[in-house]
Every structure is written in structure tokens, then in C-alpha cells.
Amino acid sequence: HIGYTQAFDDTYFTEINKNTRPEKLLPIIDIIRQGISVGLMAEAGMPC
């Protein structure tokens, strides 16, 4: 809806919920530390 045109086959999604443990998110931290930016999205409004 906001005009994102990249193929979802080349887009990666990691799902989280209120019970997600910090250690499960360490791979995301590793991705960012490799120089790849990541977006955190909410279902509605602002995350967190």
C-alpha cells in the first residue's frame, strides 16, 4: 500500500510477539552488524 515494489521472494520477514526471547533475535542483530539495515514494523501505529 505504501508503494514497495521489491519482490517478496527477495524480502525477508521475521515474526515476533510478546513472548519472543532476546536470544531468538540475535540473528537480526548479526544481520545489522554486517551492514544490512532492518525495519521493525507494528500491526498498527508505532512499534514498541
All heavy atoms as atom14 arrays in JSON, in Angstrom:
{
  "sequence": "HIGYTQAFDDTYFTEINKNTRPEKLLPIIDIIRQGISVGLMAEAGMPC",
  "atom14_mask": [
    [1, 1, 1, 1, 1, 1, 1, 1, 1, 1, 0, 0, 0, 0],
    [1, 1, 1, 1, 1, 1, 1, 1, 0, 0, 0, 0, 0, 0],
    [1, 1, 1, 1, 0, 0, 0, 0, 0, 0, 0, 0, 0, 0],
    [1, 1, 1, 1, 1, 1, 1, 1, 1, 1, 1, 1, 0, 0],
    [1, 1, 1, 1, 1, 1, 1, 0, 0, 0, 0, 0, 0, 0],
    [1, 1, 1, 1, 1, 1, 1, 1, 1, 0, 0, 0, 0, 0],
    [1, 1, 1, 1, 1, 0, 0, 0, 0, 0, 0, 0, 0, 0],
    [1, 1, 1, 1, 1, 1, 1, 1, 1, 1, 1, 0, 0, 0],
    [1, 1, 1, 1, 1, 1, 1, 1, 0, 0, 0, 0, 0, 0],
    [1, 1, 1, 1, 1, 1, 1, 1, 0, 0, 0, 0, 0, 0],
    [1, 1, 1, 1, 1, 1, 1, 0, 0, 0, 0, 0, 0, 0],
    [1, 1, 1, 1, 1, 1, 1, 1, 1, 1, 1, 1, 0, 0],
    [1, 1, 1, 1, 1, 1, 1, 1, 1, 1, 1, 0, 0, 0],
    [1, 1, 1, 1, 1, 1, 1, 0, 0, 0, 0, 0, 0, 0],
    [1, 1, 1, 1, 1, 1, 1, 1, 1, 0, 0, 0, 0, 0],
    [1, 1, 1, 1, 1, 1, 1, 1, 0, 0, 0, 0, 0, 0],
    [1, 1, 1, 1, 1, 1, 1, 1, 0, 0, 0, 0, 0, 0],
    [1, 1, 1, 1, 1, 1, 1, 1, 1, 0, 0, 0, 0, 0],
    [1, 1, 1, 1, 1, 1, 1, 1, 0, 0, 0, 0, 0, 0],
    [1, 1, 1, 1, 1, 1, 1, 0, 0, 0, 0, 0, 0, 0],
    [1, 1, 1, 1, 1, 1, 1, 1, 1, 1, 1, 0, 0, 0],
    [1, 1, 1, 1, 1, 1, 1, 0, 0, 0, 0, 0, 0, 0],
    [1, 1, 1, 1, 1, 1, 1, 1, 1, 0, 0, 0, 0, 0],
    [1, 1, 1, 1, 1, 1, 1, 1, 1, 0, 0, 0, 0, 0],
    [1, 1, 1, 1, 1, 1, 1, 1, 0, 0, 0, 0, 0, 0],
    [1, 1, 1, 1, 1, 1, 1, 1, 0, 0, 0, 0, 0, 0],
    [1, 1, 1, 1, 1, 1, 1, 0, 0, 0, 0, 0, 0, 0],
    [1, 1, 1, 1, 1, 1, 1, 1, 0, 0, 0, 0, 0, 0],
    [1, 1, 1, 1, 1, 1, 1, 1, 0, 0, 0, 0, 0, 0],
    [1, 1, 1, 1, 1, 1, 1, 1, 0, 0, 0, 0, 0, 0],
    [1, 1, 1, 1, 1, 1, 1, 1, 0, 0, 0, 0, 0, 0],
    [1, 1, 1, 1, 1, 1, 1, 1, 0, 0, 0, 0, 0, 0],
    [1, 1, 1, 1, 1, 1, 1, 1, 1, 1, 1, 0, 0, 0],
    [1, 1, 1, 1, 1, 1, 1, 1, 1, 0, 0, 0, 0, 0],
    [1, 1, 1, 1, 0, 0, 0, 0, 0, 0, 0, 0, 0, 0],
    [1, 1, 1, 1, 1, 1, 1, 1, 0, 0, 0, 0, 0, 0],
    [1, 1, 1, 1, 1, 1, 0, 0, 0, 0, 0, 0, 0, 0],
    [1, 1, 1, 1, 1, 1, 1, 0, 0, 0, 0, 0, 0, 0],
    [1, 1, 1, 1, 0, 0, 0, 0, 0, 0, 0, 0, 0, 0],
    [1, 1, 1, 1, 1, 1, 1, 1, 0, 0, 0, 0, 0, 0],
    [1, 1, 1, 1, 1, 1, 1, 1, 0, 0, 0, 0, 0, 0],
    [1, 1, 1, 1, 1, 0, 0, 0, 0, 0, 0, 0, 0, 0],
    [1, 1, 1, 1, 1, 1, 1, 1, 1, 0, 0, 0, 0, 0],
    [1, 1, 1, 1, 1, 0, 0, 0, 0, 0, 0, 0, 0, 0],
    [1, 1, 1, 1, 0, 0, 0, 0, 0, 0, 0, 0, 0, 0],
    [1, 1, 1, 1, 1, 1, 1, 1, 0, 0, 0, 0, 0, 0],
    [1, 1, 1, 1, 1, 1, 1, 0, 0, 0, 0, 0, 0, 0],
    [1, 1, 1, 1, 1, 1, 0, 0, 0, 0, 0, 0, 0, 0]
  ],
  "atom14_positions": [
    [[0.81, -1.21, 0.0], [0.0, 0.0, 0.0], [0.85, 1.27, 0.0], [0.39, 2.32, -0.47], [-0.95, 0.0, 1.2], [-2.25, -0.68, 0.93], [-3.22, -0.16, 0.12], [-2.75, -1.87, 1.38], [-4.26, -0.98, 0.07], [-4.0, -2.02, 0.82], [0.0, 0.0, 0.0], [0.0, 0.0, 0.0], [0.0, 0.0, 0.0], [0.0, 0.0, 0.0]],
    [[2.06, 1.18, 0.52], [2.9, 2.39, 0.51], [3.84, 2.42, -0.7], [4.72, 3.26, -0.79], [3.72, 2.53, 1.81], [4.75, 1.4, 1.97], [2.8, 2.59, 3.02], [5.68, 1.61, 3.16], [0.0, 0.0, 0.0], [0.0, 0.0, 0.0], [0.0, 0.0, 0.0], [0.0, 0.0, 0.0], [0.0, 0.0, 0.0], [0.0, 0.0, 0.0]],
    [[3.65, 1.48, -1.62], [4.4, 1.53, -2.87], [5.66, 0.71, -2.92], [6.5, 0.91, -3.81], [0.0, 0.0, 0.0], [0.0, 0.0, 0.0], [0.0, 0.0, 0.0], [0.0, 0.0, 0.0], [0.0, 0.0, 0.0], [0.0, 0.0, 0.0], [0.0, 0.0, 0.0], [0.0, 0.0, 0.0], [0.0, 0.0, 0.0], [0.0, 0.0, 0.0]],
    [[5.82, -0.23, -2.01], [7.0, -1.09, -2.0], [6.91, -2.06, -3.19], [5.95, -2.83, -3.29], [7.04, -1.86, -0.68], [8.29, -2.67, -0.42], [9.41, -2.09, 0.14], [8.32, -4.04, -0.7], [10.55, -2.84, 0.42], [9.45, -4.8, -0.43], [10.56, -4.19, 0.12], [11.68, -4.93, 0.4], [0.0, 0.0, 0.0], [0.0, 0.0, 0.0]],
    [[7.86, -2.0, -4.08], [7.77, -2.78, -5.32], [8.73, -3.96, -5.39], [8.7, -4.71, -6.37], [8.04, -1.86, -6.53], [9.36, -1.29, -6.41], [7.01, -0.76, -6.62], [0.0, 0.0, 0.0], [0.0, 0.0, 0.0], [0.0, 0.0, 0.0], [0.0, 0.0, 0.0], [0.0, 0.0, 0.0], [0.0, 0.0, 0.0], [0.0, 0.0, 0.0]],
    [[9.58, -4.13, -4.38], [10.52, -5.24, -4.42], [9.79, -6.58, -4.34], [8.73, -6.7, -3.69], [11.52, -5.14, -3.26], [12.35, -3.87, -3.28], [13.2, -3.76, -4.53], [13.69, -4.77, -5.05], [13.36, -2.54, -5.04], [0.0, 0.0, 0.0], [0.0, 0.0, 0.0], [0.0, 0.0, 0.0], [0.0, 0.0, 0.0], [0.0, 0.0, 0.0]],
    [[10.33, -7.58, -4.99], [9.73, -8.92, -4.95], [9.82, -9.49, -3.54], [10.88, -9.45, -2.91], [10.44, -9.83, -5.94], [0.0, 0.0, 0.0], [0.0, 0.0, 0.0], [0.0, 0.0, 0.0], [0.0, 0.0, 0.0], [0.0, 0.0, 0.0], [0.0, 0.0, 0.0], [0.0, 0.0, 0.0], [0.0, 0.0, 0.0], [0.0, 0.0, 0.0]],
    [[8.72, -10.02, -3.04], [8.74, -10.58, -1.7], [9.57, -11.86, -1.63], [9.96, -12.29, -0.54], [7.31, -10.84, -1.22], [6.58, -9.59, -0.79], [5.27, -9.37, -1.17], [7.21, -8.63, -0.01], [4.61, -8.23, -0.78], [6.56, -7.48, 0.39], [5.25, -7.28, 0.0], [0.0, 0.0, 0.0], [0.0, 0.0, 0.0], [0.0, 0.0, 0.0]],
    [[9.87, -12.46, -2.77], [10.78, -13.61, -2.77], [12.18, -13.21, -2.34], [12.96, -14.05, -1.87], [10.84, -14.24, -4.17], [9.56, -14.99, -4.52], [8.78, -15.28, -3.59], [9.35, -15.29, -5.71], [0.0, 0.0, 0.0], [0.0, 0.0, 0.0], [0.0, 0.0, 0.0], [0.0, 0.0, 0.0], [0.0, 0.0, 0.0], [0.0, 0.0, 0.0]],
    [[12.51, -11.93, -2.51], [13.82, -11.41, -2.12], [13.74, -10.53, -0.88], [14.66, -9.77, -0.58], [14.43, -10.59, -3.27], [14.62, -11.44, -4.52], [15.03, -12.61, -4.38], [14.35, -10.93, -5.63], [0.0, 0.0, 0.0], [0.0, 0.0, 0.0], [0.0, 0.0, 0.0], [0.0, 0.0, 0.0], [0.0, 0.0, 0.0], [0.0, 0.0, 0.0]],
    [[12.61, -10.61, -0.16], [12.41, -9.83, 1.05], [12.22, -10.8, 2.21], [11.52, -11.8, 2.08], [11.17, -8.92, 0.91], [11.31, -8.11, -0.26], [11.01, -8.01, 2.12], [0.0, 0.0, 0.0], [0.0, 0.0, 0.0], [0.0, 0.0, 0.0], [0.0, 0.0, 0.0], [0.0, 0.0, 0.0], [0.0, 0.0, 0.0], [0.0, 0.0, 0.0]],
    [[12.83, -10.49, 3.35], [12.85, -11.43, 4.47], [12.07, -10.87, 5.65], [12.25, -9.71, 6.04], [14.3, -11.72, 4.86], [15.12, -12.24, 3.71], [15.84, -11.36, 2.9], [15.14, -13.59, 3.41], [16.58, -11.82, 1.82], [15.88, -14.07, 2.33], [16.59, -13.18, 1.55], [17.31, -13.64, 0.47], [0.0, 0.0, 0.0], [0.0, 0.0, 0.0]],
    [[11.19, -11.71, 6.21], [10.37, -11.32, 7.35], [10.65, -12.23, 8.53], [10.67, -13.45, 8.39], [8.88, -11.4, 7.0], [8.46, -10.44, 5.91], [8.48, -10.85, 4.58], [8.04, -9.16, 6.22], [8.08, -9.99, 3.56], [7.64, -8.29, 5.21], [7.67, -8.69, 3.88], [0.0, 0.0, 0.0], [0.0, 0.0, 0.0], [0.0, 0.0, 0.0]],
    [[10.86, -11.62, 9.7], [10.99, -12.36, 10.94], [9.84, -11.96, 11.85], [9.64, -10.77, 12.12], [12.32, -12.03, 11.66], [13.41, -12.39, 10.8], [12.43, -12.79, 12.97], [0.0, 0.0, 0.0], [0.0, 0.0, 0.0], [0.0, 0.0, 0.0], [0.0, 0.0, 0.0], [0.0, 0.0, 0.0], [0.0, 0.0, 0.0], [0.0, 0.0, 0.0]],
    [[9.03, -12.92, 12.27], [7.88, -12.62, 13.11], [8.27, -12.63, 14.58], [9.06, -13.47, 15.03], [6.75, -13.62, 12.85], [6.12, -13.49, 11.48], [4.85, -14.29, 11.33], [4.57, -15.14, 12.21], [4.11, -14.08, 10.35], [0.0, 0.0, 0.0], [0.0, 0.0, 0.0], [0.0, 0.0, 0.0], [0.0, 0.0, 0.0], [0.0, 0.0, 0.0]],
    [[7.7, -11.68, 15.33], [7.92, -11.62, 16.78], [6.58, -11.45, 17.47], [5.59, -11.05, 16.86], [8.85, -10.45, 17.18], [8.25, -9.11, 16.73], [10.25, -10.63, 16.63], [8.97, -7.9, 17.31], [0.0, 0.0, 0.0], [0.0, 0.0, 0.0], [0.0, 0.0, 0.0], [0.0, 0.0, 0.0], [0.0, 0.0, 0.0], [0.0, 0.0, 0.0]],
    [[6.55, -11.75, 18.76], [5.38, -11.47, 19.59], [5.86, -11.16, 21.0], [7.07, -11.08, 21.25], [4.39, -12.65, 19.58], [5.04, -13.94, 20.04], [5.66, -14.01, 21.1], [4.92, -14.99, 19.23], [0.0, 0.0, 0.0], [0.0, 0.0, 0.0], [0.0, 0.0, 0.0], [0.0, 0.0, 0.0], [0.0, 0.0, 0.0], [0.0, 0.0, 0.0]],
    [[4.92, -10.94, 21.91], [5.29, -10.51, 23.26], [6.11, -11.57, 24.0], [6.76, -11.26, 25.01], [4.05, -10.17, 24.07], [3.1, -11.34, 24.29], [1.88, -10.9, 25.07], [0.93, -12.08, 25.32], [-0.27, -11.67, 26.1], [0.0, 0.0, 0.0], [0.0, 0.0, 0.0], [0.0, 0.0, 0.0], [0.0, 0.0, 0.0], [0.0, 0.0, 0.0]],
    [[6.09, -12.81, 23.53], [6.83, -13.89, 24.19], [8.17, -14.21, 23.54], [8.86, -15.13, 23.96], [5.96, -15.15, 24.21], [4.67, -14.96, 25.0], [4.68, -14.4, 26.08], [3.56, -15.42, 24.44], [0.0, 0.0, 0.0], [0.0, 0.0, 0.0], [0.0, 0.0, 0.0], [0.0, 0.0, 0.0], [0.0, 0.0, 0.0], [0.0, 0.0, 0.0]],
    [[8.55, -13.46, 22.5], [9.8, -13.73, 21.8], [10.99, -13.45, 22.72], [11.11, -12.35, 23.28], [9.91, -12.87, 20.54], [8.8, -13.17, 19.67], [11.22, -13.16, 19.8], [0.0, 0.0, 0.0], [0.0, 0.0, 0.0], [0.0, 0.0, 0.0], [0.0, 0.0, 0.0], [0.0, 0.0, 0.0], [0.0, 0.0, 0.0], [0.0, 0.0, 0.0]],
    [[11.86, -14.42, 22.87], [13.03, -14.28, 23.75], [14.14, -13.52, 23.04], [14.29, -13.61, 21.81], [13.53, -15.67, 24.15], [12.5, -16.56, 24.81], [12.2, -16.11, 26.22], [13.39, -16.17, 27.05], [13.45, -15.68, 28.3], [12.4, -15.08, 28.82], [14.57, -15.78, 29.0], [0.0, 0.0, 0.0], [0.0, 0.0, 0.0], [0.0, 0.0, 0.0]],
    [[14.95, -12.77, 23.79], [16.04, -12.0, 23.18], [16.98, -12.84, 22.32], [17.41, -12.39, 21.25], [16.77, -11.41, 24.39], [15.74, -11.31, 25.46], [14.85, -12.51, 25.25], [0.0, 0.0, 0.0], [0.0, 0.0, 0.0], [0.0, 0.0, 0.0], [0.0, 0.0, 0.0], [0.0, 0.0, 0.0], [0.0, 0.0, 0.0], [0.0, 0.0, 0.0]],
    [[17.28, -14.06, 22.76], [18.22, -14.89, 22.0], [17.69, -15.24, 20.61], [18.47, -15.49, 19.69], [18.56, -16.17, 22.77], [17.38, -17.01, 23.19], [16.87, -16.69, 24.58], [17.1, -15.55, 25.05], [16.25, -17.59, 25.2], [0.0, 0.0, 0.0], [0.0, 0.0, 0.0], [0.0, 0.0, 0.0], [0.0, 0.0, 0.0], [0.0, 0.0, 0.0]],
    [[16.36, -15.25, 20.45], [15.77, -15.53, 19.14], [15.99, -14.39, 18.16], [15.87, -14.57, 16.94], [14.27, -15.79, 19.29], [13.91, -17.03, 20.11], [14.29, -18.31, 19.39], [13.83, -19.54, 20.17], [14.21, -20.8, 19.47], [0.0, 0.0, 0.0], [0.0, 0.0, 0.0], [0.0, 0.0, 0.0], [0.0, 0.0, 0.0], [0.0, 0.0, 0.0]],
    [[16.32, -13.21, 18.69], [16.51, -12.03, 17.85], [17.97, -11.74, 17.54], [18.28, -10.83, 16.77], [15.88, -10.81, 18.53], [14.37, -10.9, 18.75], [13.88, -9.72, 19.57], [13.62, -10.98, 17.43], [0.0, 0.0, 0.0], [0.0, 0.0, 0.0], [0.0, 0.0, 0.0], [0.0, 0.0, 0.0], [0.0, 0.0, 0.0], [0.0, 0.0, 0.0]],
    [[18.87, -12.53, 18.1], [20.3, -12.3, 17.87], [20.68, -12.42, 16.39], [21.55, -11.68, 15.92], [21.13, -13.25, 18.73], [21.14, -12.91, 20.24], [21.91, -13.97, 21.01], [21.73, -11.53, 20.48], [0.0, 0.0, 0.0], [0.0, 0.0, 0.0], [0.0, 0.0, 0.0], [0.0, 0.0, 0.0], [0.0, 0.0, 0.0], [0.0, 0.0, 0.0]],
    [[20.04, -13.33, 15.61], [20.36, -13.35, 14.17], [20.06, -12.02, 13.48], [20.75, -11.64, 12.53], [19.48, -14.48, 13.63], [19.3, -15.4, 14.81], [19.2, -14.49, 16.0], [0.0, 0.0, 0.0], [0.0, 0.0, 0.0], [0.0, 0.0, 0.0], [0.0, 0.0, 0.0], [0.0, 0.0, 0.0], [0.0, 0.0, 0.0], [0.0, 0.0, 0.0]],
    [[19.03, -11.31, 13.94], [18.72, -10.0, 13.37], [19.83, -9.01, 13.69], [20.25, -8.22, 12.84], [17.38, -9.48, 13.92], [16.25, -10.46, 13.59], [17.06, -8.09, 13.36], [16.03, -10.67, 12.11], [0.0, 0.0, 0.0], [0.0, 0.0, 0.0], [0.0, 0.0, 0.0], [0.0, 0.0, 0.0], [0.0, 0.0, 0.0], [0.0, 0.0, 0.0]],
    [[20.31, -9.06, 14.92], [21.42, -8.2, 15.33], [22.65, -8.48, 14.46], [23.35, -7.56, 14.01], [21.75, -8.4, 16.82], [20.54, -7.98, 17.69], [23.0, -7.63, 17.22], [20.15, -6.53, 17.56], [0.0, 0.0, 0.0], [0.0, 0.0, 0.0], [0.0, 0.0, 0.0], [0.0, 0.0, 0.0], [0.0, 0.0, 0.0], [0.0, 0.0, 0.0]],
    [[22.9, -9.76, 14.2], [24.05, -10.13, 13.36], [23.9, -9.56, 11.96], [24.89, -9.08, 11.36], [24.19, -11.65, 13.3], [24.65, -12.26, 14.62], [25.25, -11.51, 15.41], [24.42, -13.45, 14.84], [0.0, 0.0, 0.0], [0.0, 0.0, 0.0], [0.0, 0.0, 0.0], [0.0, 0.0, 0.0], [0.0, 0.0, 0.0], [0.0, 0.0, 0.0]],
    [[22.69, -9.6, 11.41], [22.45, -9.04, 10.08], [22.78, -7.55, 10.05], [23.45, -7.05, 9.14], [20.97, -9.29, 9.67], [20.75, -10.77, 9.37], [20.6, -8.45, 8.45], [19.29, -11.13, 9.18], [0.0, 0.0, 0.0], [0.0, 0.0, 0.0], [0.0, 0.0, 0.0], [0.0, 0.0, 0.0], [0.0, 0.0, 0.0], [0.0, 0.0, 0.0]],
    [[22.31, -6.83, 11.06], [22.56, -5.39, 11.11], [24.05, -5.09, 11.26], [24.59, -4.18, 10.63], [21.75, -4.73, 12.25], [20.24, -4.98, 12.05], [22.02, -3.23, 12.31], [19.37, -4.51, 13.2], [0.0, 0.0, 0.0], [0.0, 0.0, 0.0], [0.0, 0.0, 0.0], [0.0, 0.0, 0.0], [0.0, 0.0, 0.0], [0.0, 0.0, 0.0]],
    [[24.72, -5.88, 12.07], [26.16, -5.66, 12.29], [26.97, -5.95, 11.03], [28.1, -5.49, 10.89], [26.64, -6.53, 13.46], [26.02, -6.11, 14.79], [26.48, -6.96, 15.94], [27.87, -6.7, 16.28], [28.52, -7.32, 17.27], [27.92, -8.26, 17.98], [29.77, -7.02, 17.52], [0.0, 0.0, 0.0], [0.0, 0.0, 0.0], [0.0, 0.0, 0.0]],
    [[26.38, -6.69, 10.1], [27.04, -6.95, 8.82], [26.85, -5.79, 7.84], [27.35, -5.83, 6.72], [26.48, -8.23, 8.2], [26.86, -9.5, 8.96], [26.09, -10.72, 8.48], [25.6, -10.75, 7.35], [25.97, -11.73, 9.33], [0.0, 0.0, 0.0], [0.0, 0.0, 0.0], [0.0, 0.0, 0.0], [0.0, 0.0, 0.0], [0.0, 0.0, 0.0]],
    [[26.12, -4.76, 8.28], [25.92, -3.58, 7.44], [24.6, -3.55, 6.71], [24.39, -2.71, 5.83], [0.0, 0.0, 0.0], [0.0, 0.0, 0.0], [0.0, 0.0, 0.0], [0.0, 0.0, 0.0], [0.0, 0.0, 0.0], [0.0, 0.0, 0.0], [0.0, 0.0, 0.0], [0.0, 0.0, 0.0], [0.0, 0.0, 0.0], [0.0, 0.0, 0.0]],
    [[23.68, -4.45, 7.08], [22.37, -4.52, 6.43], [21.32, -3.92, 7.36], [21.14, -4.39, 8.49], [22.0, -5.97, 6.08], [23.05, -6.57, 5.16], [20.61, -6.04, 5.46], [22.9, -8.06, 4.94], [0.0, 0.0, 0.0], [0.0, 0.0, 0.0], [0.0, 0.0, 0.0], [0.0, 0.0, 0.0], [0.0, 0.0, 0.0], [0.0, 0.0, 0.0]],
    [[20.61, -2.9, 6.91], [19.58, -2.27, 7.74], [18.31, -3.1, 7.78], [17.98, -3.8, 6.82], [19.28, -0.86, 7.23], [20.39, 0.0, 7.44], [0.0, 0.0, 0.0], [0.0, 0.0, 0.0], [0.0, 0.0, 0.0], [0.0, 0.0, 0.0], [0.0, 0.0, 0.0], [0.0, 0.0, 0.0], [0.0, 0.0, 0.0], [0.0, 0.0, 0.0]],
    [[17.59, -3.0, 8.89], [16.39, -3.78, 9.14], [15.27, -2.84, 9.58], [15.51, -1.86, 10.3], [16.64, -4.85, 10.22], [15.34, -5.54, 10.63], [17.66, -5.87, 9.73], [0.0, 0.0, 0.0], [0.0, 0.0, 0.0], [0.0, 0.0, 0.0], [0.0, 0.0, 0.0], [0.0, 0.0, 0.0], [0.0, 0.0, 0.0], [0.0, 0.0, 0.0]],
    [[14.04, -3.14, 9.17], [12.88, -2.35, 9.59], [12.03, -3.11, 10.58], [11.74, -4.29, 10.39], [0.0, 0.0, 0.0], [0.0, 0.0, 0.0], [0.0, 0.0, 0.0], [0.0, 0.0, 0.0], [0.0, 0.0, 0.0], [0.0, 0.0, 0.0], [0.0, 0.0, 0.0], [0.0, 0.0, 0.0], [0.0, 0.0, 0.0], [0.0, 0.0, 0.0]],
    [[11.64, -2.45, 11.66], [10.74, -3.02, 12.67], [9.36, -2.41, 12.46], [9.18, -1.2, 12.51], [11.25, -2.69, 14.08], [10.32, -3.04, 15.25], [10.08, -4.54, 15.32], [10.92, -2.53, 16.57], [0.0, 0.0, 0.0], [0.0, 0.0, 0.0], [0.0, 0.0, 0.0], [0.0, 0.0, 0.0], [0.0, 0.0, 0.0], [0.0, 0.0, 0.0]],
    [[8.35, -3.26, 12.19], [7.0, -2.79, 11.87], [5.98, -3.28, 12.89], [6.09, -4.41, 13.39], [6.57, -3.27, 10.48], [7.39, -2.72, 9.35], [6.82, -3.35, 7.74], [5.16, -2.65, 7.69], [0.0, 0.0, 0.0], [0.0, 0.0, 0.0], [0.0, 0.0, 0.0], [0.0, 0.0, 0.0], [0.0, 0.0, 0.0], [0.0, 0.0, 0.0]],
    [[4.99, -2.43, 13.16], [3.88, -2.81, 14.02], [2.68, -3.22, 13.17], [2.67, -3.02, 11.96], [3.48, -1.63, 14.92], [0.0, 0.0, 0.0], [0.0, 0.0, 0.0], [0.0, 0.0, 0.0], [0.0, 0.0, 0.0], [0.0, 0.0, 0.0], [0.0, 0.0, 0.0], [0.0, 0.0, 0.0], [0.0, 0.0, 0.0], [0.0, 0.0, 0.0]],
    [[1.67, -3.79, 13.81], [0.41, -4.07, 13.13], [-0.35, -2.78, 12.87], [-1.06, -2.66, 11.88], [-0.45, -5.01, 13.98], [0.02, -6.44, 14.02], [-0.28, -7.19, 12.73], [-1.43, -7.59, 12.53], [0.66, -7.38, 11.93], [0.0, 0.0, 0.0], [0.0, 0.0, 0.0], [0.0, 0.0, 0.0], [0.0, 0.0, 0.0], [0.0, 0.0, 0.0]],
    [[-0.23, -1.84, 13.79], [-0.88, -0.53, 13.65], [-0.14, 0.47, 14.51], [0.3, 0.15, 15.62], [-2.34, -0.61, 14.07], [0.0, 0.0, 0.0], [0.0, 0.0, 0.0], [0.0, 0.0, 0.0], [0.0, 0.0, 0.0], [0.0, 0.0, 0.0], [0.0, 0.0, 0.0], [0.0, 0.0, 0.0], [0.0, 0.0, 0.0], [0.0, 0.0, 0.0]],
    [[0.03, 1.68, 14.0], [0.71, 2.72, 14.77], [2.2, 2.46, 14.91], [2.84, 1.84, 14.05], [0.0, 0.0, 0.0], [0.0, 0.0, 0.0], [0.0, 0.0, 0.0], [0.0, 0.0, 0.0], [0.0, 0.0, 0.0], [0.0, 0.0, 0.0], [0.0, 0.0, 0.0], [0.0, 0.0, 0.0], [0.0, 0.0, 0.0], [0.0, 0.0, 0.0]],
    [[2.75, 2.95, 16.02], [4.19, 2.85, 16.24], [4.57, 1.57, 16.97], [3.91, 1.2, 17.94], [4.68, 4.05, 17.06], [4.61, 5.37, 16.33], [5.69, 5.46, 14.88], [7.31, 5.39, 15.64], [0.0, 0.0, 0.0], [0.0, 0.0, 0.0], [0.0, 0.0, 0.0], [0.0, 0.0, 0.0], [0.0, 0.0, 0.0], [0.0, 0.0, 0.0]],
    [[5.64, 0.9, 16.54], [6.13, -0.25, 17.29], [6.55, 0.15, 18.7], [6.87, 1.32, 18.96], [7.36, -0.7, 16.48], [7.12, -0.18, 15.11], [6.4, 1.13, 15.3], [0.0, 0.0, 0.0], [0.0, 0.0, 0.0], [0.0, 0.0, 0.0], [0.0, 0.0, 0.0], [0.0, 0.0, 0.0], [0.0, 0.0, 0.0], [0.0, 0.0, 0.0]],
    [[6.52, -0.81, 19.6], [7.03, -0.68, 20.97], [6.09, 0.06, 21.92], [6.39, 0.17, 23.11], [8.41, -0.02, 21.01], [9.64, -0.85, 20.01], [0.0, 0.0, 0.0], [0.0, 0.0, 0.0], [0.0, 0.0, 0.0], [0.0, 0.0, 0.0], [0.0, 0.0, 0.0], [0.0, 0.0, 0.0], [0.0, 0.0, 0.0], [0.0, 0.0, 0.0]]
  ]
}
